[in-house]
Amino acid sequence: MHTSPINEYRTKDPTRIILITMDHYFFYGTLRSPFVLEAVIGRSTSDLIFQEAFVPDSELRIVVNESFPVIIFDPLYVGVNGTLVQGLNSEDVSRILFFEDVEFTPQKLLARVGQKNIQAKYFSQQGVRPSDDPWSFEEWKKKEEKLSTITAKLWMELYEKYTAVEAEKYWSDIKKKAISKFNLND
């Protein structure tokens, strides 16, 4: 992966260096939530730069049998609001790639921030089926954010133990365990 380092720091392991990138990432779904994003990257997001952004000619749809969206492009669609994030480090990106699993891969798009177009990476679907139902971040926040945060934390426990492909077989169990934890906390 090509990155443009703006800074680097050593982890507790002195042989491991993490690069902070200049790349912009456009999040349109659950990663717009700071709670989910922090669960995924395993740290605070206080050092990241967040900007509201818009991607024209797109629409969000719920993935069949899931609560998260997929972005679909067509000139007939109005567009999608999302969040442009800058300052993710290489470990953050690795964790996000694991979280996004084998179904989503990084692609590039132009996101509009004010009057400016900014090239950003986003996660494009690979092999997921969009439903005909639209997905709303605001509705998801009200109904699903807490459960999705629990699910993200449980899923990320598999990070570095399994590859995303290997971990996929645990997805149903993770969802059931998350629902159980959610019901205990509610």
C-alpha atoms as a PDB file:
ATOM      1  CA  MET A   1       0.000   0.000   0.000  1.00  0.00           C
ATOM      2  CA  HIS A   2       1.360   3.414  -0.916  1.00  0.00           C
ATOM      3  CA  THR A   3       1.189   5.975   1.849  1.00  0.00           C
ATOM      4  CA  SER A   4       2.441   9.504   2.168  1.00  0.00           C
ATOM      5  CA  PRO A   5       3.965   9.712   5.641  1.00  0.00           C
ATOM      6  CA  ILE A   6       3.515  12.936   7.544  1.00  0.00           C
ATOM      7  CA  ASN A   7       4.829  11.492  10.768  1.00  0.00           C
ATOM      8  CA  GLU A   8       5.998   8.243  12.246  1.00  0.00           C
ATOM      9  CA  TYR A   9       6.302   6.847  15.733  1.00  0.00           C
ATOM     10  CA  ARG A  10       7.512   3.685  17.351  1.00  0.00           C
ATOM     11  CA  THR A  11       5.164   1.386  19.185  1.00  0.00           C
ATOM     12  CA  LYS A  12       5.950  -0.490  22.400  1.00  0.00           C
ATOM     13  CA  ASP A  13       7.803  -2.871  20.104  1.00  0.00           C
ATOM     14  CA  PRO A  14      10.870  -0.771  19.146  1.00  0.00           C
ATOM     15  CA  THR A  15      11.237  -2.621  15.841  1.00  0.00           C
ATOM     16  CA  ARG A  16       7.779  -1.602  14.654  1.00  0.00           C
ATOM     17  CA  ILE A  17       7.165   1.819  13.109  1.00  0.00           C
ATOM     18  CA  ILE A  18       3.694   3.074  12.297  1.00  0.00           C
ATOM     19  CA  LEU A  19       3.305   5.632   9.508  1.00  0.00           C
ATOM     20  CA  ILE A  20       0.653   8.320   9.699  1.00  0.00           C
ATOM     21  CA  THR A  21      -0.700   8.953   6.234  1.00  0.00           C
ATOM     22  CA  MET A  22      -1.874  12.000   4.332  1.00  0.00           C
ATOM     23  CA  ASP A  23      -4.575   9.881   2.731  1.00  0.00           C
ATOM     24  CA  HIS A  24      -8.176  10.951   3.123  1.00  0.00           C
ATOM     25  CA  TYR A  25     -10.755   8.261   3.802  1.00  0.00           C
ATOM     26  CA  PHE A  26     -14.436   8.796   3.060  1.00  0.00           C
ATOM     27  CA  PHE A  27     -16.662   6.951   5.527  1.00  0.00           C
ATOM     28  CA  TYR A  28     -20.313   6.732   4.567  1.00  0.00           C
ATOM     29  CA  GLY A  29     -21.591   4.018   6.908  1.00  0.00           C
ATOM     30  CA  THR A  30     -20.963   2.711  10.397  1.00  0.00           C
ATOM     31  CA  LEU A  31     -17.379   4.030  10.521  1.00  0.00           C
ATOM     32  CA  ARG A  32     -18.834   7.553  10.592  1.00  0.00           C
ATOM     33  CA  SER A  33     -19.638   6.791  14.228  1.00  0.00           C
ATOM     34  CA  PRO A  34     -16.735   7.764  16.495  1.00  0.00           C
ATOM     35  CA  PHE A  35     -17.716   4.884  18.816  1.00  0.00           C
ATOM     36  CA  VAL A  36     -17.479   2.286  16.048  1.00  0.00           C
ATOM     37  CA  LEU A  37     -14.329   3.848  14.580  1.00  0.00           C
ATOM     38  CA  GLU A  38     -12.586   3.812  17.982  1.00  0.00           C
ATOM     39  CA  ALA A  39     -13.666   0.191  18.545  1.00  0.00           C
ATOM     40  CA  VAL A  40     -12.188  -0.726  15.174  1.00  0.00           C
ATOM     41  CA  ILE A  41      -8.871   1.139  15.395  1.00  0.00           C
ATOM     42  CA  GLY A  42      -8.486   0.335  19.088  1.00  0.00           C
ATOM     43  CA  ARG A  43      -7.630   3.868  20.174  1.00  0.00           C
ATOM     44  CA  SER A  44      -8.965   7.402  20.557  1.00  0.00           C
ATOM     45  CA  THR A  45      -9.753   9.395  17.426  1.00  0.00           C
ATOM     46  CA  SER A  46      -8.827  12.725  19.051  1.00  0.00           C
ATOM     47  CA  ASP A  47      -5.788  13.195  16.789  1.00  0.00           C
ATOM     48  CA  LEU A  48      -7.713  12.639  13.550  1.00  0.00           C
ATOM     49  CA  ILE A  49      -9.147  15.377  11.326  1.00  0.00           C
ATOM     50  CA  PHE A  50     -12.843  14.998  10.492  1.00  0.00           C
ATOM     51  CA  GLN A  51     -14.701  16.948   7.804  1.00  0.00           C
ATOM     52  CA  GLU A  52     -18.247  16.609   6.556  1.00  0.00           C
ATOM     53  CA  ALA A  53     -18.184  15.626   2.894  1.00  0.00           C
ATOM     54  CA  PHE A  54     -20.557  14.866   0.038  1.00  0.00           C
ATOM     55  CA  VAL A  55     -20.240  12.419  -2.843  1.00  0.00           C
ATOM     56  CA  PRO A  56     -22.632  13.212  -5.712  1.00  0.00           C
ATOM     57  CA  ASP A  57     -24.301  10.626  -7.963  1.00  0.00           C
ATOM     58  CA  SER A  58     -24.479   8.043  -5.193  1.00  0.00           C
ATOM     59  CA  GLU A  59     -26.931   6.430  -2.807  1.00  0.00           C
ATOM     60  CA  LEU A  60     -26.733   4.208   0.274  1.00  0.00           C
ATOM     61  CA  ARG A  61     -28.583   0.903   0.459  1.00  0.00           C
ATOM     62  CA  ILE A  62     -28.800  -1.613   3.283  1.00  0.00           C
ATOM     63  CA  VAL A  63     -26.831  -4.788   2.585  1.00  0.00           C
ATOM     64  CA  VAL A  64     -29.158  -7.816   2.456  1.00  0.00           C
ATOM     65  CA  ASN A  65     -29.412  -9.487   5.906  1.00  0.00           C
ATOM     66  CA  GLU A  66     -27.210  -6.847   7.581  1.00  0.00           C
ATOM     67  CA  SER A  67     -27.585  -3.433   9.240  1.00  0.00           C
ATOM     68  CA  PHE A  68     -24.758  -1.688   7.377  1.00  0.00           C
ATOM     69  CA  PRO A  69     -24.812   0.060   4.002  1.00  0.00           C
ATOM     70  CA  VAL A  70     -23.211  -0.177   0.638  1.00  0.00           C
ATOM     71  CA  ILE A  71     -22.694   2.831  -1.626  1.00  0.00           C
ATOM     72  CA  ILE A  72     -24.082   2.629  -5.164  1.00  0.00           C
ATOM     73  CA  PHE A  73     -23.231   5.058  -7.954  1.00  0.00           C
ATOM     74  CA  ASP A  74     -25.560   6.306 -10.671  1.00  0.00           C
ATOM     75  CA  PRO A  75     -25.932   9.783 -12.236  1.00  0.00           C
ATOM     76  CA  LEU A  76     -29.637   9.627 -11.301  1.00  0.00           C
ATOM     77  CA  TYR A  77     -28.858   9.582  -7.568  1.00  0.00           C
ATOM     78  CA  VAL A  78     -28.578  12.832  -5.603  1.00  0.00           C
ATOM     79  CA  GLY A  79     -25.563  11.911  -3.489  1.00  0.00           C
ATOM     80  CA  VAL A  80     -24.362  10.740  -0.102  1.00  0.00           C
ATOM     81  CA  ASN A  81     -23.217  12.674   2.943  1.00  0.00           C
ATOM     82  CA  GLY A  82     -20.332  11.220   4.866  1.00  0.00           C
ATOM     83  CA  THR A  83     -17.198  11.992   6.809  1.00  0.00           C
ATOM     84  CA  LEU A  84     -13.752  12.604   5.394  1.00  0.00           C
ATOM     85  CA  VAL A  85     -11.061  11.437   7.835  1.00  0.00           C
ATOM     86  CA  GLN A  86      -7.386  12.311   7.690  1.00  0.00           C
ATOM     87  CA  GLY A  87      -4.522  11.195   9.930  1.00  0.00           C
ATOM     88  CA  LEU A  88      -5.123   7.464  10.127  1.00  0.00           C
ATOM     89  CA  ASN A  89      -1.898   5.561  10.629  1.00  0.00           C
ATOM     90  CA  SER A  90      -0.888   2.326   8.933  1.00  0.00           C
ATOM     91  CA  GLU A  91      -2.061   0.228  11.902  1.00  0.00           C
ATOM     92  CA  ASP A  92      -5.461   1.988  11.833  1.00  0.00           C
ATOM     93  CA  VAL A  93      -5.790   1.211   8.129  1.00  0.00           C
ATOM     94  CA  SER A  94      -4.829  -2.438   8.699  1.00  0.00           C
ATOM     95  CA  ARG A  95      -7.475  -2.710  11.401  1.00  0.00           C
ATOM     96  CA  ILE A  96     -10.090  -1.032   9.192  1.00  0.00           C
ATOM     97  CA  LEU A  97      -9.257  -3.414   6.347  1.00  0.00           C
ATOM     98  CA  PHE A  98      -9.829  -6.349   8.715  1.00  0.00           C
ATOM     99  CA  PHE A  99     -13.093  -4.796   9.931  1.00  0.00           C
ATOM    100  CA  GLU A 100     -14.316  -4.228   6.388  1.00  0.00           C
ATOM    101  CA  ASP A 101     -13.583  -7.897   5.786  1.00  0.00           C
ATOM    102  CA  VAL A 102     -13.311  -9.540   2.405  1.00  0.00           C
ATOM    103  CA  GLU A 103     -16.515  -7.893   1.203  1.00  0.00           C
ATOM    104  CA  PHE A 104     -15.183  -4.354   0.902  1.00  0.00           C
ATOM    105  CA  THR A 105     -11.975  -3.113  -0.736  1.00  0.00           C
ATOM    106  CA  PRO A 106     -10.428   0.369  -0.881  1.00  0.00           C
ATOM    107  CA  GLN A 107     -11.161   2.350  -4.036  1.00  0.00           C
ATOM    108  CA  LYS A 108     -10.858   6.052  -4.886  1.00  0.00           C
ATOM    109  CA  LEU A 109     -13.515   8.703  -5.352  1.00  0.00           C
ATOM    110  CA  LEU A 110     -13.906  12.477  -5.293  1.00  0.00           C
ATOM    111  CA  ALA A 111     -15.588  13.867  -2.188  1.00  0.00           C
ATOM    112  CA  ARG A 112     -16.793  17.441  -2.026  1.00  0.00           C
ATOM    113  CA  VAL A 113     -15.904  19.505   1.038  1.00  0.00           C
ATOM    114  CA  GLY A 114     -17.446  22.931   0.576  1.00  0.00           C
ATOM    115  CA  GLN A 115     -16.486  23.969  -2.967  1.00  0.00           C
ATOM    116  CA  LYS A 116     -13.408  21.758  -3.068  1.00  0.00           C
ATOM    117  CA  ASN A 117     -13.148  18.227  -4.488  1.00  0.00           C
ATOM    118  CA  ILE A 118     -10.777  15.966  -2.579  1.00  0.00           C
ATOM    119  CA  GLN A 119      -9.586  12.571  -3.738  1.00  0.00           C
ATOM    120  CA  ALA A 120     -10.309  10.029  -1.028  1.00  0.00           C
ATOM    121  CA  LYS A 121     -10.323   6.313  -0.463  1.00  0.00           C
ATOM    122  CA  TYR A 122     -13.569   4.572   0.366  1.00  0.00           C
ATOM    123  CA  PHE A 123     -14.560   0.956   0.825  1.00  0.00           C
ATOM    124  CA  SER A 124     -16.315  -0.484  -2.198  1.00  0.00           C
ATOM    125  CA  GLN A 125     -18.429  -3.593  -2.033  1.00  0.00           C
ATOM    126  CA  GLN A 126     -17.189  -6.884  -3.373  1.00  0.00           C
ATOM    127  CA  GLY A 127     -19.780  -9.625  -3.355  1.00  0.00           C
ATOM    128  CA  VAL A 128     -22.393  -8.040  -1.090  1.00  0.00           C
ATOM    129  CA  ARG A 129     -25.976  -7.732  -2.217  1.00  0.00           C
ATOM    130  CA  PRO A 130     -27.583  -4.332  -1.758  1.00  0.00           C
ATOM    131  CA  SER A 131     -31.253  -4.391  -0.896  1.00  0.00           C
ATOM    132  CA  ASP A 132     -33.759  -1.985  -2.397  1.00  0.00           C
ATOM    133  CA  ASP A 133     -34.003  -0.259   0.991  1.00  0.00           C
ATOM    134  CA  PRO A 134     -32.172   3.027   1.587  1.00  0.00           C
ATOM    135  CA  TRP A 135     -29.804   3.343   4.565  1.00  0.00           C
ATOM    136  CA  SER A 136     -29.850   6.389   6.816  1.00  0.00           C
ATOM    137  CA  PHE A 137     -26.986   7.214   9.170  1.00  0.00           C
ATOM    138  CA  GLU A 138     -29.340   9.111  11.476  1.00  0.00           C
ATOM    139  CA  GLU A 139     -31.785   6.175  11.709  1.00  0.00           C
ATOM    140  CA  TRP A 140     -28.931   3.716  12.184  1.00  0.00           C
ATOM    141  CA  LYS A 141     -27.494   5.851  15.022  1.00  0.00           C
ATOM    142  CA  LYS A 142     -30.807   5.785  16.875  1.00  0.00           C
ATOM    143  CA  LYS A 143     -31.489   2.077  16.409  1.00  0.00           C
ATOM    144  CA  GLU A 144     -28.191   0.265  15.814  1.00  0.00           C
ATOM    145  CA  GLU A 145     -25.141   2.268  16.903  1.00  0.00           C
ATOM    146  CA  LYS A 146     -24.769   0.686  20.360  1.00  0.00           C
ATOM    147  CA  LEU A 147     -25.185  -2.849  19.012  1.00  0.00           C
ATOM    148  CA  SER A 148     -22.829  -2.129  16.111  1.00  0.00           C
ATOM    149  CA  THR A 149     -20.187  -0.824  18.528  1.00  0.00           C
ATOM    150  CA  ILE A 150     -20.409  -4.013  20.614  1.00  0.00           C
ATOM    151  CA  THR A 151     -20.245  -6.087  17.434  1.00  0.00           C
ATOM    152  CA  ALA A 152     -17.190  -4.144  16.211  1.00  0.00           C
ATOM    153  CA  LYS A 153     -15.388  -4.675  19.520  1.00  0.00           C
ATOM    154  CA  LEU A 154     -16.070  -8.419  19.419  1.00  0.00           C
ATOM    155  CA  TRP A 155     -15.077  -8.686  15.760  1.00  0.00           C
ATOM    156  CA  MET A 156     -11.829  -6.819  16.372  1.00  0.00           C
ATOM    157  CA  GLU A 157     -10.888  -9.341  19.085  1.00  0.00           C
ATOM    158  CA  LEU A 158     -10.190 -11.639  16.113  1.00  0.00           C
ATOM    159  CA  TYR A 159      -7.721  -9.152  14.596  1.00  0.00           C
ATOM    160  CA  GLU A 160      -4.188 -10.542  14.386  1.00  0.00           C
ATOM    161  CA  LYS A 161      -5.516 -13.979  15.422  1.00  0.00           C
ATOM    162  CA  TYR A 162      -7.064 -14.656  12.015  1.00  0.00           C
ATOM    163  CA  THR A 163      -7.066 -13.211   8.545  1.00  0.00           C
ATOM    164  CA  ALA A 164     -10.320 -11.593   7.461  1.00  0.00           C
ATOM    165  CA  VAL A 165     -11.040 -14.643   5.294  1.00  0.00           C
ATOM    166  CA  GLU A 166     -10.458 -17.021   8.228  1.00  0.00           C
ATOM    167  CA  ALA A 167     -12.482 -14.851  10.627  1.00  0.00           C
ATOM    168  CA  GLU A 168     -15.490 -14.744   8.295  1.00  0.00           C
ATOM    169  CA  LYS A 169     -16.674 -18.131   9.598  1.00  0.00           C
ATOM    170  CA  TYR A 170     -17.193 -16.518  13.038  1.00  0.00           C
ATOM    171  CA  TRP A 171     -19.395 -13.636  11.813  1.00  0.00           C
ATOM    172  CA  SER A 172     -22.730 -15.283  12.748  1.00  0.00           C
ATOM    173  CA  ASP A 173     -21.424 -16.202  16.204  1.00  0.00           C
ATOM    174  CA  ILE A 174     -20.076 -12.678  16.741  1.00  0.00           C
ATOM    175  CA  LYS A 175     -23.462 -11.185  15.823  1.00  0.00           C
ATOM    176  CA  LYS A 176     -25.286 -13.523  18.251  1.00  0.00           C
ATOM    177  CA  LYS A 177     -22.803 -12.769  21.054  1.00  0.00           C
ATOM    178  CA  ALA A 178     -23.161  -9.024  20.413  1.00  0.00           C
ATOM    179  CA  ILE A 179     -26.960  -9.224  20.608  1.00  0.00           C
ATOM    180  CA  SER A 180     -26.662 -11.132  23.883  1.00  0.00           C
ATOM    181  CA  LYS A 181     -24.280  -8.507  25.349  1.00  0.00           C
ATOM    182  CA  PHE A 182     -26.484  -5.682  24.051  1.00  0.00           C
ATOM    183  CA  ASN A 183     -29.585  -7.191  25.700  1.00  0.00           C
ATOM    184  CA  LEU A 184     -27.734  -7.533  29.024  1.00  0.00           C
ATOM    185  CA  ASN A 185     -26.681  -3.858  28.942  1.00  0.00           C
ATOM    186  CA  ASP A 186     -30.032  -2.482  27.869  1.00  0.00           C
END
